[in-house]
Amino acid sequence: MAHVDWKAFDHPDLGAVEIGGWNRFHAFGNPPLQFLEREVAKFPKWLVWQALLTPKLELLARRSRSRRQGHVAGTSSLSRIRDGCRAT
C-alpha cells in the first residue's frame, strides 16, 4: 500500500499525534505489489550470470609476524598478517 490514511495515535513521549501518509518503500522504491513478483523474478538468472563472470579468489598462504607495541611488560602486541591470493 503506497499511501496510508492518517489516523490519531497516542505516542508515549509526544502525546496525541497523527500517523500515516506515504509509505516511501512501496510508493517510490518498488513497483506496485501486483507487479513485484514478476519484476524480481528476473534477477536470480542475472545474479548467477554476473557471479560466473567474476574471478574466483583463492587463498594460497597466510603468514603472521608478531611485533611488540610497547616496551612495558604486559602491554598488547601487534601482529602483521599477510595473505597471498590469486584470481582464477
C-alpha atoms as a PDB file:
ATOM      1  CA  MET A   1       0.000   0.000   0.000  1.00  0.00           C
ATOM      2  CA  ALA A   2       1.633   3.216  -1.163  1.00  0.00           C
ATOM      3  CA  HIS A   3      -0.453   5.612   0.895  1.00  0.00           C
ATOM      4  CA  VAL A   4      -1.778   5.014   4.414  1.00  0.00           C
ATOM      5  CA  ASP A   5      -4.702   7.114   5.637  1.00  0.00           C
ATOM      6  CA  TRP A   6      -3.909   9.442   8.525  1.00  0.00           C
ATOM      7  CA  LYS A   7      -5.109   8.354  11.973  1.00  0.00           C
ATOM      8  CA  ALA A   8      -4.783   9.559  15.537  1.00  0.00           C
ATOM      9  CA  PHE A   9      -2.116   7.914  17.680  1.00  0.00           C
ATOM     10  CA  ASP A  10      -1.218   8.392  21.332  1.00  0.00           C
ATOM     11  CA  HIS A  11       2.584   8.483  21.349  1.00  0.00           C
ATOM     12  CA  PRO A  12       4.175   7.638  24.736  1.00  0.00           C
ATOM     13  CA  ASP A  13       6.537  10.649  24.633  1.00  0.00           C
ATOM     14  CA  LEU A  14       4.865  13.124  22.286  1.00  0.00           C
ATOM     15  CA  GLY A  15       1.229  12.646  23.256  1.00  0.00           C
ATOM     16  CA  ALA A  16      -1.506  12.916  20.630  1.00  0.00           C
ATOM     17  CA  VAL A  17      -0.109  12.780  17.081  1.00  0.00           C
ATOM     18  CA  GLU A  18      -1.302  11.647  13.668  1.00  0.00           C
ATOM     19  CA  ILE A  19       0.438   8.926  11.707  1.00  0.00           C
ATOM     20  CA  GLY A  20       0.069   7.955   8.073  1.00  0.00           C
ATOM     21  CA  GLY A  21       0.972   9.296   4.663  1.00  0.00           C
ATOM     22  CA  TRP A  22       3.241   7.899   2.009  1.00  0.00           C
ATOM     23  CA  ASN A  23       4.947   4.568   2.563  1.00  0.00           C
ATOM     24  CA  ARG A  24       8.171   5.520   0.769  1.00  0.00           C
ATOM     25  CA  PHE A  25       9.314   1.901   0.419  1.00  0.00           C
ATOM     26  CA  HIS A  26       6.220   0.856  -1.519  1.00  0.00           C
ATOM     27  CA  ALA A  27       5.459   4.145  -3.235  1.00  0.00           C
ATOM     28  CA  PHE A  28       8.873   5.109  -4.564  1.00  0.00           C
ATOM     29  CA  GLY A  29      11.235   2.130  -4.183  1.00  0.00           C
ATOM     30  CA  ASN A  30       9.277  -0.793  -5.629  1.00  0.00           C
ATOM     31  CA  PRO A  31       6.680  -1.392  -8.299  1.00  0.00           C
ATOM     32  CA  PRO A  32       3.069  -1.854  -7.179  1.00  0.00           C
ATOM     33  CA  LEU A  33       2.520  -5.131  -5.302  1.00  0.00           C
ATOM     34  CA  GLN A  34       0.703  -6.806  -8.191  1.00  0.00           C
ATOM     35  CA  PHE A  35       3.860  -6.382 -10.360  1.00  0.00           C
ATOM     36  CA  LEU A  36       6.527  -7.008  -7.700  1.00  0.00           C
ATOM     37  CA  GLU A  37       6.896 -10.790  -8.099  1.00  0.00           C
ATOM     38  CA  ARG A  38       7.209 -10.530 -11.879  1.00  0.00           C
ATOM     39  CA  GLU A  39       9.837  -7.791 -11.512  1.00  0.00           C
ATOM     40  CA  VAL A  40      12.099  -9.632  -9.038  1.00  0.00           C
ATOM     41  CA  ALA A  41      11.804 -12.947 -10.929  1.00  0.00           C
ATOM     42  CA  LYS A  42      14.256 -11.510 -13.491  1.00  0.00           C
ATOM     43  CA  PHE A  43      17.114 -11.139 -11.022  1.00  0.00           C
ATOM     44  CA  PRO A  44      18.187 -14.688  -9.995  1.00  0.00           C
ATOM     45  CA  LYS A  45      19.352 -15.570 -13.532  1.00  0.00           C
ATOM     46  CA  TRP A  46      21.118 -12.240 -13.873  1.00  0.00           C
ATOM     47  CA  LEU A  47      22.859 -12.595 -10.497  1.00  0.00           C
ATOM     48  CA  VAL A  48      24.118 -16.084 -11.331  1.00  0.00           C
ATOM     49  CA  TRP A  49      25.356 -14.847 -14.730  1.00  0.00           C
ATOM     50  CA  GLN A  50      27.166 -11.947 -13.062  1.00  0.00           C
ATOM     51  CA  ALA A  51      28.706 -14.223 -10.402  1.00  0.00           C
ATOM     52  CA  LEU A  52      30.048 -16.551 -13.096  1.00  0.00           C
ATOM     53  CA  LEU A  53      31.755 -13.595 -14.797  1.00  0.00           C
ATOM     54  CA  THR A  54      33.690 -12.509 -11.708  1.00  0.00           C
ATOM     55  CA  PRO A  55      37.077 -14.044 -10.885  1.00  0.00           C
ATOM     56  CA  LYS A  56      37.311 -16.672  -8.185  1.00  0.00           C
ATOM     57  CA  LEU A  57      39.712 -15.669  -5.401  1.00  0.00           C
ATOM     58  CA  GLU A  58      41.822 -18.403  -3.892  1.00  0.00           C
ATOM     59  CA  LEU A  59      43.791 -18.056  -0.636  1.00  0.00           C
ATOM     60  CA  LEU A  60      47.246 -19.511  -1.203  1.00  0.00           C
ATOM     61  CA  ALA A  61      49.077 -18.658   2.015  1.00  0.00           C
ATOM     62  CA  ARG A  62      48.728 -16.710   5.226  1.00  0.00           C
ATOM     63  CA  ARG A  63      51.668 -15.520   7.302  1.00  0.00           C
ATOM     64  CA  SER A  64      51.699 -13.619  10.546  1.00  0.00           C
ATOM     65  CA  ARG A  65      54.533 -11.963  12.394  1.00  0.00           C
ATOM     66  CA  SER A  66      54.242 -10.626  15.931  1.00  0.00           C
ATOM     67  CA  ARG A  67      55.511  -7.099  16.583  1.00  0.00           C
ATOM     68  CA  ARG A  68      55.718  -5.581  20.056  1.00  0.00           C
ATOM     69  CA  GLN A  69      53.640  -2.430  20.558  1.00  0.00           C
ATOM     70  CA  GLY A  70      55.305  -1.119  23.692  1.00  0.00           C
ATOM     71  CA  HIS A  71      58.326  -1.638  25.930  1.00  0.00           C
ATOM     72  CA  VAL A  72      56.443  -2.182  29.206  1.00  0.00           C
ATOM     73  CA  ALA A  73      55.685  -5.772  30.213  1.00  0.00           C
ATOM     74  CA  GLY A  74      52.016  -6.671  29.870  1.00  0.00           C
ATOM     75  CA  THR A  75      51.258  -4.263  27.022  1.00  0.00           C
ATOM     76  CA  SER A  76      49.449  -5.512  23.957  1.00  0.00           C
ATOM     77  CA  SER A  77      51.365  -6.745  20.948  1.00  0.00           C
ATOM     78  CA  LEU A  78      50.664  -6.029  17.300  1.00  0.00           C
ATOM     79  CA  SER A  79      50.667  -8.683  14.569  1.00  0.00           C
ATOM     80  CA  ARG A  80      51.175  -8.195  10.868  1.00  0.00           C
ATOM     81  CA  ILE A  81      49.171 -10.603   8.691  1.00  0.00           C
ATOM     82  CA  ARG A  82      49.876 -11.095   5.000  1.00  0.00           C
ATOM     83  CA  ASP A  83      47.698 -13.102   2.662  1.00  0.00           C
ATOM     84  CA  GLY A  84      48.713 -14.453  -0.685  1.00  0.00           C
ATOM     85  CA  CYS A  85      45.742 -14.545  -3.073  1.00  0.00           C
ATOM     86  CA  ARG A  86      45.274 -15.109  -6.764  1.00  0.00           C
ATOM     87  CA  ALA A  87      42.326 -14.784  -9.098  1.00  0.00           C
ATOM     88  CA  THR A  88      41.462 -17.745 -11.289  1.00  0.00           C
END
